[in-house]
Amino acid sequence: MVTTHESHDVDPYAAVEELRAVLAEAGIVFPSLAVDHASPSLGLVNLGRVRAEVAMRLAQQFRREGRE
């Protein structure tokens, strides 16, 4: 189930660091994970590119978490 949140109160820098930490705990690295500086008022986070192997591991992690 996907939910969306329309809050612009979240600091994108804090969100990047939180996501980076959680991904690292799962052994997953997004090399291009960063705040999108092109649109600061939107608070966008650039997830960037990952290798296919990383995408597969991420999908498997979500699948495992969904079963718990």
Protein backbone atom coordinates (compact mmCIF):
# COMPACT_ATOMS: atom_id res chain seq x y z
CA MET A 1 0.00 0.00 0.00
CA VAL A 2 1.44 3.36 -0.98
CA THR A 3 0.56 6.47 0.94
CA THR A 4 1.42 10.03 0.11
CA HIS A 5 2.08 12.89 2.44
CA GLU A 6 1.62 16.46 1.33
CA SER A 7 3.83 17.97 4.01
CA HIS A 8 6.55 20.38 2.98
CA ASP A 9 7.66 20.68 6.61
CA VAL A 10 10.15 17.84 6.30
CA ASP A 11 13.75 19.00 5.98
CA PRO A 12 15.09 17.34 2.81
CA TYR A 13 18.61 17.16 4.29
CA ALA A 14 17.30 15.29 7.32
CA ALA A 15 15.27 13.01 5.05
CA VAL A 16 18.36 12.19 2.97
CA GLU A 17 20.40 11.34 6.06
CA GLU A 18 17.59 9.25 7.55
CA LEU A 19 17.11 7.32 4.30
CA ARG A 20 20.88 6.87 3.87
CA ALA A 21 21.12 5.43 7.40
CA VAL A 22 18.20 3.03 6.94
CA LEU A 23 19.50 1.85 3.58
CA ALA A 24 22.97 1.32 5.06
CA GLU A 25 21.46 -0.88 7.79
CA ALA A 26 20.07 -3.06 4.99
CA GLY A 27 23.44 -3.04 3.20
CA ILE A 28 22.11 -0.87 0.36
CA VAL A 29 23.87 2.21 -1.00
CA PHE A 30 22.38 4.82 -3.33
CA PRO A 31 25.51 6.61 -4.59
CA SER A 32 23.56 9.59 -5.93
CA LEU A 33 21.22 10.08 -2.96
CA ALA A 34 21.09 13.83 -2.36
CA VAL A 35 18.89 16.86 -1.94
CA ASP A 36 17.68 18.24 -5.29
CA HIS A 37 19.03 21.80 -5.28
CA ALA A 38 17.19 22.76 -8.50
CA SER A 39 13.87 23.19 -6.70
CA PRO A 40 14.49 24.08 -3.04
CA SER A 41 10.92 25.20 -2.37
CA LEU A 42 9.63 21.70 -3.21
CA GLY A 43 11.98 19.85 -0.83
CA LEU A 44 12.77 17.16 -3.40
CA VAL A 45 15.20 14.30 -2.78
CA ASN A 46 17.10 12.85 -5.72
CA LEU A 47 17.39 9.09 -5.35
CA GLY A 48 19.65 8.86 -8.39
CA ARG A 49 20.74 5.76 -10.19
CA VAL A 50 21.60 2.37 -8.77
CA ARG A 51 22.92 -0.84 -10.29
CA ALA A 52 20.35 -3.52 -11.12
CA GLU A 53 21.72 -5.68 -8.29
CA VAL A 54 21.02 -2.88 -5.78
CA ALA A 55 17.50 -2.36 -7.15
CA MET A 56 16.83 -6.09 -6.76
CA ARG A 57 18.13 -6.11 -3.18
CA LEU A 58 15.95 -3.11 -2.36
CA ALA A 59 12.88 -4.82 -3.81
CA GLN A 60 13.65 -7.96 -1.81
CA GLN A 61 14.02 -5.92 1.37
CA PHE A 62 10.63 -4.27 0.82
CA ARG A 63 9.10 -7.66 0.13
CA ARG A 64 10.54 -9.10 3.37
CA GLU A 65 9.34 -6.11 5.37
CA GLY A 66 5.85 -6.44 3.87
CA ARG A 67 5.56 -9.99 5.16
CA GLU A 68 6.38 -9.12 8.76
